[in-house]
Amino acid sequence: MPAYTVHAPFPGGADLRATDKFVFVRDGFHFWAMIFGPFWLLWNRLWLVLIGWLIFIAAFHAGLSSLGLGRSSIFLADLVIALLTGLEASSLRRWTLSRGKWRQLDIVIADDHDTAERRFFERWSQKQHGIVNDQWAVDRGGPPPTRGVPGQQFSNPPPIPAGGIIGLFPEPGGSR
């Protein structure tokens, strides 16, 4: 099942007046981005990505031509670039949204875009009305324990096994 990331404009993104501006980005391979790369970038308003893509393609073709590669080799290299464009299209779209001061609200797993919207808004409306569903609650806790910090779980070195050390080093701190 595909995963969708939900993005909202920031500031004031997560309120009822801005729900029509939420963007759902499907994670995965985008066939049309592979076939029609620059047109797909234009359609999705990825202007900086399009400019970077055009500059990269021009420099890449100039470099391959200066190496003396034939047209078939350049065509195969273009196919690889098209495949990479299809694979990274959703990441490029999320990058563009993050540059435009959008923030990611949630991740939704769904079969299609409509189901993702329905699942997100059901869960989001429960949060807005104060209904807490333990299924979605995540306990982030504190920072991970570190060594050398007093009071932390790992501040003392680990105990040595009763039968000695197993492995390449027979004594702690000894040479091989």
N, C-alpha and C. Protein backbone atom coordinates (compact mmCIF):
# COMPACT_ATOMS: atom_id res chain seq x y z
N MET A 1 0.83 -1.17 0.00
CA MET A 1 0.00 0.00 0.00
C MET A 1 0.88 1.25 0.00
N PRO A 2 0.54 2.22 -0.78
CA PRO A 2 1.32 3.45 -0.81
C PRO A 2 1.19 4.27 0.47
N ALA A 3 2.21 5.03 0.72
CA ALA A 3 2.20 5.97 1.85
C ALA A 3 2.08 7.38 1.28
N TYR A 4 1.30 8.20 1.96
CA TYR A 4 1.11 9.59 1.57
C TYR A 4 1.59 10.48 2.71
N THR A 5 2.34 11.51 2.39
CA THR A 5 2.68 12.51 3.39
C THR A 5 1.72 13.69 3.21
N VAL A 6 1.28 14.25 4.33
CA VAL A 6 0.31 15.34 4.31
C VAL A 6 1.05 16.61 4.71
N HIS A 7 0.93 17.64 3.88
CA HIS A 7 1.63 18.91 4.11
C HIS A 7 0.62 20.05 4.19
N ALA A 8 0.93 21.00 5.06
CA ALA A 8 0.07 22.18 5.23
C ALA A 8 0.94 23.43 5.21
N PRO A 9 0.38 24.55 4.71
CA PRO A 9 1.16 25.80 4.72
C PRO A 9 1.40 26.26 6.15
N PHE A 10 2.56 26.81 6.37
CA PHE A 10 2.93 27.30 7.70
C PHE A 10 3.24 28.77 7.57
N PRO A 11 2.82 29.65 8.41
CA PRO A 11 2.11 29.50 9.67
C PRO A 11 0.61 29.36 9.46
N GLY A 12 -0.04 28.90 10.50
CA GLY A 12 -1.49 28.75 10.49
C GLY A 12 -1.98 27.64 9.62
N GLY A 13 -1.17 26.61 9.41
CA GLY A 13 -1.54 25.56 8.49
C GLY A 13 -2.58 24.60 9.00
N ALA A 14 -2.52 24.21 10.25
CA ALA A 14 -3.38 23.14 10.73
C ALA A 14 -4.65 23.69 11.39
N ASP A 15 -5.43 24.48 10.66
CA ASP A 15 -6.72 24.90 11.18
C ASP A 15 -7.79 24.62 10.13
N LEU A 16 -9.03 24.78 10.50
CA LEU A 16 -10.13 24.39 9.63
C LEU A 16 -10.23 25.24 8.36
N ARG A 17 -9.72 26.46 8.40
CA ARG A 17 -9.81 27.32 7.21
C ARG A 17 -8.81 26.91 6.14
N ALA A 18 -7.78 26.17 6.49
CA ALA A 18 -6.73 25.85 5.52
C ALA A 18 -6.80 24.41 5.01
N THR A 19 -7.85 23.67 5.34
CA THR A 19 -7.88 22.26 4.94
C THR A 19 -7.94 22.08 3.44
N ASP A 20 -8.47 23.04 2.71
CA ASP A 20 -8.50 22.92 1.26
C ASP A 20 -7.12 23.11 0.63
N LYS A 21 -6.16 23.61 1.41
CA LYS A 21 -4.80 23.82 0.91
C LYS A 21 -3.85 22.67 1.25
N PHE A 22 -4.32 21.68 1.99
CA PHE A 22 -3.46 20.55 2.34
C PHE A 22 -3.04 19.81 1.07
N VAL A 23 -1.80 19.34 1.06
CA VAL A 23 -1.26 18.63 -0.08
C VAL A 23 -0.89 17.21 0.36
N PHE A 24 -1.33 16.23 -0.42
CA PHE A 24 -1.00 14.83 -0.17
C PHE A 24 -0.01 14.40 -1.23
N VAL A 25 1.17 13.96 -0.80
CA VAL A 25 2.22 13.53 -1.73
C VAL A 25 2.40 12.03 -1.58
N ARG A 26 2.14 11.31 -2.67
CA ARG A 26 2.29 9.86 -2.65
C ARG A 26 3.76 9.49 -2.76
N ASP A 27 4.18 8.62 -1.87
CA ASP A 27 5.55 8.14 -1.90
C ASP A 27 5.61 6.96 -2.86
N GLY A 28 6.63 6.92 -3.68
CA GLY A 28 6.77 5.81 -4.61
C GLY A 28 7.18 6.28 -5.99
N PHE A 29 7.11 5.37 -6.93
CA PHE A 29 7.52 5.64 -8.30
C PHE A 29 6.42 6.39 -9.04
N HIS A 30 6.80 7.45 -9.77
CA HIS A 30 5.87 8.24 -10.57
C HIS A 30 6.17 8.01 -12.04
N PHE A 31 5.31 7.22 -12.69
CA PHE A 31 5.52 6.84 -14.08
C PHE A 31 5.56 8.06 -15.00
N TRP A 32 4.63 8.99 -14.80
CA TRP A 32 4.57 10.15 -15.70
C TRP A 32 5.76 11.08 -15.50
N ALA A 33 6.34 11.09 -14.33
CA ALA A 33 7.56 11.87 -14.12
C ALA A 33 8.71 11.25 -14.89
N MET A 34 8.71 9.94 -15.04
CA MET A 34 9.76 9.29 -15.81
C MET A 34 9.57 9.55 -17.31
N ILE A 35 8.34 9.44 -17.79
CA ILE A 35 8.09 9.58 -19.22
C ILE A 35 8.19 11.04 -19.68
N PHE A 36 7.56 11.94 -18.95
CA PHE A 36 7.53 13.36 -19.32
C PHE A 36 8.17 14.20 -18.22
N GLY A 37 9.45 13.98 -17.94
CA GLY A 37 10.15 14.62 -16.83
C GLY A 37 9.95 16.11 -16.68
N PRO A 38 10.39 16.93 -17.65
CA PRO A 38 10.25 18.38 -17.47
C PRO A 38 8.79 18.85 -17.47
N PHE A 39 7.93 18.19 -18.24
CA PHE A 39 6.51 18.58 -18.24
C PHE A 39 5.85 18.23 -16.91
N TRP A 40 6.23 17.09 -16.31
CA TRP A 40 5.71 16.72 -15.00
C TRP A 40 6.17 17.72 -13.95
N LEU A 41 7.42 18.18 -14.05
CA LEU A 41 7.93 19.18 -13.12
C LEU A 41 7.18 20.50 -13.28
N LEU A 42 6.88 20.90 -14.52
CA LEU A 42 6.09 22.11 -14.76
C LEU A 42 4.68 21.96 -14.20
N TRP A 43 4.04 20.82 -14.46
CA TRP A 43 2.67 20.59 -14.01
C TRP A 43 2.56 20.67 -12.49
N ASN A 44 3.59 20.20 -11.78
CA ASN A 44 3.58 20.21 -10.32
C ASN A 44 4.25 21.44 -9.73
N ARG A 45 4.59 22.41 -10.57
CA ARG A 45 5.15 23.70 -10.16
C ARG A 45 6.45 23.56 -9.37
N LEU A 46 7.30 22.68 -9.82
CA LEU A 46 8.61 22.48 -9.20
C LEU A 46 9.64 23.28 -10.00
N TRP A 47 9.58 24.60 -9.88
CA TRP A 47 10.37 25.50 -10.73
C TRP A 47 11.86 25.33 -10.49
N LEU A 48 12.31 25.35 -9.25
CA LEU A 48 13.75 25.21 -8.98
C LEU A 48 14.27 23.84 -9.40
N VAL A 49 13.47 22.83 -9.19
CA VAL A 49 13.87 21.49 -9.61
C VAL A 49 13.97 21.43 -11.12
N LEU A 50 13.04 22.06 -11.83
CA LEU A 50 13.08 22.09 -13.28
C LEU A 50 14.33 22.80 -13.79
N ILE A 51 14.65 23.93 -13.19
CA ILE A 51 15.86 24.66 -13.60
C ILE A 51 17.10 23.81 -13.34
N GLY A 52 17.17 23.19 -12.19
CA GLY A 52 18.30 22.32 -11.87
C GLY A 52 18.37 21.13 -12.80
N TRP A 53 17.21 20.56 -13.14
CA TRP A 53 17.16 19.41 -14.04
C TRP A 53 17.67 19.80 -15.43
N LEU A 54 17.24 20.97 -15.94
CA LEU A 54 17.68 21.42 -17.26
C LEU A 54 19.18 21.71 -17.29
N ILE A 55 19.69 22.34 -16.24
CA ILE A 55 21.13 22.61 -16.17
C ILE A 55 21.92 21.30 -16.10
N PHE A 56 21.43 20.36 -15.29
CA PHE A 56 22.11 19.08 -15.17
C PHE A 56 22.11 18.33 -16.50
N ILE A 57 20.97 18.29 -17.18
CA ILE A 57 20.89 17.58 -18.47
C ILE A 57 21.83 18.21 -19.49
N ALA A 58 21.87 19.54 -19.56
CA ALA A 58 22.75 20.21 -20.52
C ALA A 58 24.22 19.91 -20.21
N ALA A 59 24.61 20.00 -18.93
CA ALA A 59 25.99 19.71 -18.56
C ALA A 59 26.32 18.23 -18.77
N PHE A 60 25.36 17.37 -18.47
CA PHE A 60 25.57 15.93 -18.62
C PHE A 60 25.76 15.57 -20.09
N HIS A 61 24.95 16.13 -20.98
CA HIS A 61 25.09 15.87 -22.41
C HIS A 61 26.40 16.44 -22.94
N ALA A 62 26.76 17.62 -22.47
CA ALA A 62 28.03 18.21 -22.92
C ALA A 62 29.20 17.34 -22.46
N GLY A 63 29.15 16.85 -21.23
CA GLY A 63 30.21 16.00 -20.72
C GLY A 63 30.31 14.69 -21.47
N LEU A 64 29.18 14.06 -21.75
CA LEU A 64 29.20 12.79 -22.48
C LEU A 64 29.65 12.98 -23.92
N SER A 65 29.25 14.09 -24.52
CA SER A 65 29.68 14.37 -25.90
C SER A 65 31.18 14.65 -25.94
N SER A 66 31.70 15.35 -24.93
CA SER A 66 33.14 15.64 -24.93
C SER A 66 33.96 14.37 -24.69
N LEU A 67 33.36 13.37 -24.06
CA LEU A 67 34.04 12.08 -23.89
C LEU A 67 34.03 11.25 -25.17
N GLY A 68 33.25 11.67 -26.15
CA GLY A 68 33.20 10.98 -27.43
C GLY A 68 32.24 9.79 -27.45
N LEU A 69 31.29 9.78 -26.55
CA LEU A 69 30.31 8.69 -26.53
C LEU A 69 29.31 8.86 -27.66
N GLY A 70 28.82 7.75 -28.16
CA GLY A 70 27.87 7.78 -29.27
C GLY A 70 26.47 8.12 -28.80
N ARG A 71 25.58 8.27 -29.81
CA ARG A 71 24.20 8.63 -29.50
C ARG A 71 23.49 7.55 -28.69
N SER A 72 23.79 6.29 -28.95
CA SER A 72 23.11 5.21 -28.22
C SER A 72 23.52 5.21 -26.74
N SER A 73 24.76 5.52 -26.45
CA SER A 73 25.21 5.59 -25.06
C SER A 73 24.56 6.76 -24.33
N ILE A 74 24.46 7.88 -25.02
CA ILE A 74 23.81 9.06 -24.42
C ILE A 74 22.33 8.77 -24.20
N PHE A 75 21.70 8.05 -25.13
CA PHE A 75 20.29 7.69 -24.97
C PHE A 75 20.10 6.78 -23.76
N LEU A 76 20.97 5.81 -23.56
CA LEU A 76 20.89 4.93 -22.40
C LEU A 76 21.10 5.72 -21.10
N ALA A 77 22.02 6.68 -21.12
CA ALA A 77 22.22 7.53 -19.94
C ALA A 77 20.97 8.36 -19.67
N ASP A 78 20.31 8.83 -20.72
CA ASP A 78 19.05 9.58 -20.55
C ASP A 78 17.96 8.70 -19.96
N LEU A 79 17.92 7.44 -20.34
CA LEU A 79 16.95 6.52 -19.76
C LEU A 79 17.19 6.33 -18.26
N VAL A 80 18.46 6.25 -17.87
CA VAL A 80 18.78 6.12 -16.45
C VAL A 80 18.35 7.37 -15.69
N ILE A 81 18.59 8.54 -16.26
CA ILE A 81 18.18 9.79 -15.62
C ILE A 81 16.65 9.86 -15.53
N ALA A 82 15.95 9.41 -16.57
CA ALA A 82 14.48 9.40 -16.53
C ALA A 82 13.98 8.45 -15.44
N LEU A 83 14.61 7.31 -15.30
CA LEU A 83 14.23 6.37 -14.25
C LEU A 83 14.45 6.99 -12.87
N LEU A 84 15.58 7.65 -12.68
CA LEU A 84 15.86 8.31 -11.40
C LEU A 84 14.87 9.44 -11.13
N THR A 85 14.46 10.14 -12.17
CA THR A 85 13.47 11.20 -12.01
C THR A 85 12.14 10.61 -11.52
N GLY A 86 11.74 9.47 -12.09
CA GLY A 86 10.52 8.82 -11.65
C GLY A 86 10.61 8.31 -10.22
N LEU A 87 11.79 7.82 -9.84
CA LEU A 87 11.97 7.31 -8.49
C LEU A 87 12.01 8.42 -7.44
N GLU A 88 12.57 9.56 -7.77
CA GLU A 88 12.75 10.63 -6.79
C GLU A 88 11.74 11.77 -6.92
N ALA A 89 10.73 11.61 -7.75
CA ALA A 89 9.76 12.69 -7.98
C ALA A 89 9.06 13.11 -6.70
N SER A 90 8.63 12.16 -5.89
CA SER A 90 7.92 12.53 -4.66
C SER A 90 8.85 13.21 -3.67
N SER A 91 10.11 12.78 -3.61
CA SER A 91 11.07 13.43 -2.72
C SER A 91 11.34 14.87 -3.17
N LEU A 92 11.41 15.08 -4.47
CA LEU A 92 11.61 16.44 -4.99
C LEU A 92 10.41 17.33 -4.69
N ARG A 93 9.23 16.74 -4.75
CA ARG A 93 8.03 17.52 -4.43
C ARG A 93 7.98 17.88 -2.95
N ARG A 94 8.34 16.93 -2.08
CA ARG A 94 8.38 17.23 -0.65
C ARG A 94 9.45 18.26 -0.34
N TRP A 95 10.59 18.20 -1.03
CA TRP A 95 11.65 19.18 -0.82
C TRP A 95 11.16 20.58 -1.21
N THR A 96 10.46 20.67 -2.33
CA THR A 96 9.93 21.97 -2.76
C THR A 96 8.92 22.51 -1.75
N LEU A 97 8.07 21.65 -1.23
CA LEU A 97 7.10 22.10 -0.22
C LEU A 97 7.81 22.59 1.04
N SER A 98 8.86 21.88 1.47
CA SER A 98 9.57 22.31 2.68
C SER A 98 10.29 23.63 2.46
N ARG A 99 10.74 23.89 1.24
CA ARG A 99 11.37 25.18 0.95
C ARG A 99 10.34 26.31 0.96
N GLY A 100 9.10 25.99 0.63
CA GLY A 100 8.04 26.98 0.61
C GLY A 100 7.36 27.15 1.95
N LYS A 101 8.05 26.76 3.00
CA LYS A 101 7.55 26.91 4.37
C LYS A 101 6.27 26.12 4.62
N TRP A 102 6.18 24.96 4.03
CA TRP A 102 5.11 24.03 4.35
C TRP A 102 5.66 23.08 5.39
N ARG A 103 4.78 22.55 6.22
CA ARG A 103 5.24 21.58 7.19
C ARG A 103 4.46 20.28 7.01
N GLN A 104 5.15 19.20 7.33
CA GLN A 104 4.52 17.89 7.21
C GLN A 104 3.69 17.62 8.45
N LEU A 105 2.41 17.33 8.24
CA LEU A 105 1.51 17.08 9.36
C LEU A 105 1.45 15.61 9.75
N ASP A 106 1.45 14.73 8.76
CA ASP A 106 1.21 13.33 9.07
C ASP A 106 1.64 12.47 7.90
N ILE A 107 1.65 11.17 8.15
CA ILE A 107 1.88 10.15 7.12
C ILE A 107 0.68 9.23 7.16
N VAL A 108 0.08 8.96 6.00
CA VAL A 108 -1.12 8.13 5.91
C VAL A 108 -0.84 6.99 4.94
N ILE A 109 -1.25 5.79 5.34
CA ILE A 109 -1.14 4.63 4.47
C ILE A 109 -2.52 4.38 3.88
N ALA A 110 -2.62 4.36 2.55
CA ALA A 110 -3.91 4.15 1.90
C ALA A 110 -3.70 3.65 0.48
N ASP A 111 -4.76 3.07 -0.09
CA ASP A 111 -4.70 2.54 -1.45
C ASP A 111 -4.65 3.64 -2.51
N ASP A 112 -5.38 4.72 -2.28
CA ASP A 112 -5.43 5.81 -3.26
C ASP A 112 -5.54 7.15 -2.55
N HIS A 113 -5.53 8.21 -3.34
CA HIS A 113 -5.54 9.57 -2.81
C HIS A 113 -6.79 9.86 -2.00
N ASP A 114 -7.95 9.46 -2.49
CA ASP A 114 -9.22 9.74 -1.79
C ASP A 114 -9.27 9.03 -0.43
N THR A 115 -8.82 7.79 -0.39
CA THR A 115 -8.81 7.05 0.87
C THR A 115 -7.81 7.69 1.84
N ALA A 116 -6.68 8.16 1.32
CA ALA A 116 -5.70 8.83 2.19
C ALA A 116 -6.30 10.09 2.80
N GLU A 117 -7.00 10.87 1.99
CA GLU A 117 -7.65 12.08 2.53
C GLU A 117 -8.67 11.72 3.60
N ARG A 118 -9.51 10.72 3.32
CA ARG A 118 -10.53 10.33 4.29
C ARG A 118 -9.91 9.88 5.60
N ARG A 119 -8.89 9.03 5.51
CA ARG A 119 -8.23 8.54 6.74
C ARG A 119 -7.57 9.66 7.51
N PHE A 120 -6.90 10.56 6.79
CA PHE A 120 -6.23 11.67 7.48
C PHE A 120 -7.24 12.56 8.18
N PHE A 121 -8.30 12.97 7.48
CA PHE A 121 -9.25 13.90 8.08
C PHE A 121 -10.06 13.27 9.21
N GLU A 122 -10.31 11.96 9.13
CA GLU A 122 -10.96 11.29 10.27
C GLU A 122 -10.07 11.36 11.50
N ARG A 123 -8.80 11.02 11.33
CA ARG A 123 -7.86 11.05 12.46
C ARG A 123 -7.63 12.48 12.93
N TRP A 124 -7.52 13.41 12.00
CA TRP A 124 -7.24 14.81 12.34
C TRP A 124 -8.42 15.44 13.08
N SER A 125 -9.65 15.11 12.64
CA SER A 125 -10.81 15.68 13.33
C SER A 125 -10.94 15.11 14.74
N GLN A 126 -10.55 13.86 14.96
CA GLN A 126 -10.55 13.31 16.31
C GLN A 126 -9.55 14.05 17.19
N LYS A 127 -8.39 14.38 16.64
CA LYS A 127 -7.40 15.15 17.40
C LYS A 127 -7.92 16.54 17.72
N GLN A 128 -8.58 17.18 16.74
CA GLN A 128 -9.08 18.54 16.93
C GLN A 128 -10.17 18.60 17.99
N HIS A 129 -10.96 17.53 18.11
CA HIS A 129 -12.05 17.50 19.08
C HIS A 129 -11.62 16.90 20.41
N GLY A 130 -10.33 16.63 20.55
CA GLY A 130 -9.82 16.14 21.83
C GLY A 130 -10.01 14.66 22.04
N ILE A 131 -10.43 13.94 21.03
CA ILE A 131 -10.58 12.49 21.15
C ILE A 131 -9.21 11.87 20.90
N VAL A 132 -8.69 11.18 21.90
CA VAL A 132 -7.36 10.61 21.78
C VAL A 132 -7.52 9.12 21.52
N ASN A 133 -6.94 8.68 20.45
CA ASN A 133 -6.97 7.26 20.11
C ASN A 133 -5.60 6.70 20.42
N ASP A 134 -5.52 5.73 21.34
CA ASP A 134 -4.23 5.19 21.74
C ASP A 134 -3.50 4.50 20.60
N GLN A 135 -4.24 4.12 19.58
CA GLN A 135 -3.61 3.45 18.44
C GLN A 135 -2.62 4.37 17.74
N TRP A 136 -2.89 5.68 17.72
CA TRP A 136 -2.05 6.62 17.00
C TRP A 136 -1.08 7.36 17.90
N ALA A 137 -1.23 7.20 19.21
CA ALA A 137 -0.35 7.93 20.13
C ALA A 137 1.05 7.34 20.09
N VAL A 138 2.04 8.20 20.01
CA VAL A 138 3.43 7.77 19.98
C VAL A 138 4.15 8.42 21.14
N ASP A 139 4.79 7.61 21.99
CA ASP A 139 5.54 8.15 23.11
C ASP A 139 6.97 8.37 22.65
N ARG A 140 7.33 9.60 22.43
CA ARG A 140 8.68 9.92 21.97
C ARG A 140 9.69 9.81 23.10
N GLY A 141 9.27 10.00 24.37
CA GLY A 141 10.17 9.88 25.51
C GLY A 141 11.25 10.96 25.50
N GLY A 142 12.27 10.73 26.30
CA GLY A 142 13.38 11.67 26.37
C GLY A 142 14.45 11.31 25.35
N PRO A 143 15.58 11.98 25.44
CA PRO A 143 16.67 11.67 24.52
C PRO A 143 17.23 10.28 24.81
N PRO A 144 17.89 9.66 23.84
CA PRO A 144 18.43 8.33 24.07
C PRO A 144 19.54 8.37 25.11
N PRO A 145 19.72 7.27 25.87
CA PRO A 145 20.77 7.26 26.88
C PRO A 145 22.15 7.31 26.25
N THR A 146 23.06 8.00 26.92
CA THR A 146 24.43 8.11 26.43
C THR A 146 25.40 7.70 27.52
N ARG A 147 26.58 7.31 27.14
CA ARG A 147 27.60 6.92 28.10
C ARG A 147 28.31 8.16 28.62
N GLY A 148 28.77 8.09 29.85
CA GLY A 148 29.56 9.16 30.43
C GLY A 148 28.75 10.30 31.00
N VAL A 149 27.45 10.20 31.01
CA VAL A 149 26.61 11.24 31.58
C VAL A 149 26.03 10.68 32.88
N PRO A 150 26.34 11.30 34.02
CA PRO A 150 25.83 10.77 35.29
C PRO A 150 24.31 10.72 35.31
N GLY A 151 23.79 9.65 35.87
CA GLY A 151 22.35 9.49 35.98
C GLY A 151 21.72 8.83 34.78
N GLN A 152 22.45 8.69 33.70
CA GLN A 152 21.91 8.02 32.52
C GLN A 152 22.04 6.51 32.68
N GLN A 153 21.26 5.78 31.93
CA GLN A 153 21.21 4.34 32.02
C GLN A 153 22.56 3.70 31.67
N PHE A 154 23.27 4.24 30.72
CA PHE A 154 24.52 3.64 30.26
C PHE A 154 25.76 4.37 30.78
N SER A 155 25.67 5.04 31.92
CA SER A 155 26.81 5.82 32.39
C SER A 155 27.94 4.93 32.90
N ASN A 156 27.64 3.72 33.33
CA ASN A 156 28.69 2.79 33.77
C ASN A 156 29.05 1.85 32.63
N PRO A 157 30.31 1.40 32.57
CA PRO A 157 30.68 0.47 31.50
C PRO A 157 29.95 -0.85 31.69
N PRO A 158 29.72 -1.57 30.60
CA PRO A 158 29.01 -2.84 30.71
C PRO A 158 29.82 -3.86 31.50
N PRO A 159 29.17 -4.76 32.21
CA PRO A 159 29.91 -5.76 32.99
C PRO A 159 30.61 -6.77 32.09
N ILE A 160 31.74 -7.28 32.55
CA ILE A 160 32.50 -8.29 31.81
C ILE A 160 31.84 -9.65 32.06
N PRO A 161 31.65 -10.46 31.02
CA PRO A 161 31.04 -11.77 31.22
C PRO A 161 31.88 -12.63 32.17
N ALA A 162 31.22 -13.58 32.85
CA ALA A 162 31.89 -14.41 33.85
C ALA A 162 33.01 -15.25 33.25
N GLY A 163 32.87 -15.73 32.07
CA GLY A 163 33.88 -16.58 31.46
C GLY A 163 34.94 -15.80 30.70
N GLY A 164 35.05 -14.54 30.88
CA GLY A 164 36.01 -13.73 30.13
C GLY A 164 35.36 -13.12 28.91
N ILE A 165 36.17 -12.51 28.10
CA ILE A 165 35.67 -11.85 26.90
C ILE A 165 35.73 -12.83 25.74
N ILE A 166 34.67 -12.88 24.98
CA ILE A 166 34.60 -13.74 23.81
C ILE A 166 34.88 -12.88 22.60
N GLY A 167 35.77 -13.33 21.74
CA GLY A 167 36.06 -12.60 20.52
C GLY A 167 37.54 -12.52 20.26
N LEU A 168 37.96 -11.51 19.54
CA LEU A 168 39.35 -11.37 19.14
C LEU A 168 40.25 -10.86 20.25
N PHE A 169 39.70 -10.19 21.25
CA PHE A 169 40.50 -9.57 22.29
C PHE A 169 40.31 -10.34 23.60
N PRO A 170 41.32 -11.10 24.08
CA PRO A 170 41.15 -11.91 25.28
C PRO A 170 41.07 -11.08 26.56
N GLU A 171 41.64 -9.89 26.58
CA GLU A 171 41.60 -9.04 27.77
C GLU A 171 41.09 -7.65 27.39
N PRO A 172 40.36 -7.02 28.30
CA PRO A 172 39.90 -5.67 27.97
C PRO A 172 41.11 -4.73 27.84
N GLY A 173 41.16 -4.03 26.71
CA GLY A 173 42.23 -3.09 26.47
C GLY A 173 43.54 -3.73 26.08
N GLY A 174 43.62 -5.05 25.98
CA GLY A 174 44.86 -5.75 25.63
C GLY A 174 45.11 -5.73 24.14
N SER A 175 46.31 -6.12 23.75
CA SER A 175 46.65 -6.19 22.33
C SER A 175 46.21 -7.53 21.77
N ARG A 176 46.29 -7.65 20.50
CA ARG A 176 45.89 -8.89 19.84
C ARG A 176 46.91 -9.90 20.10
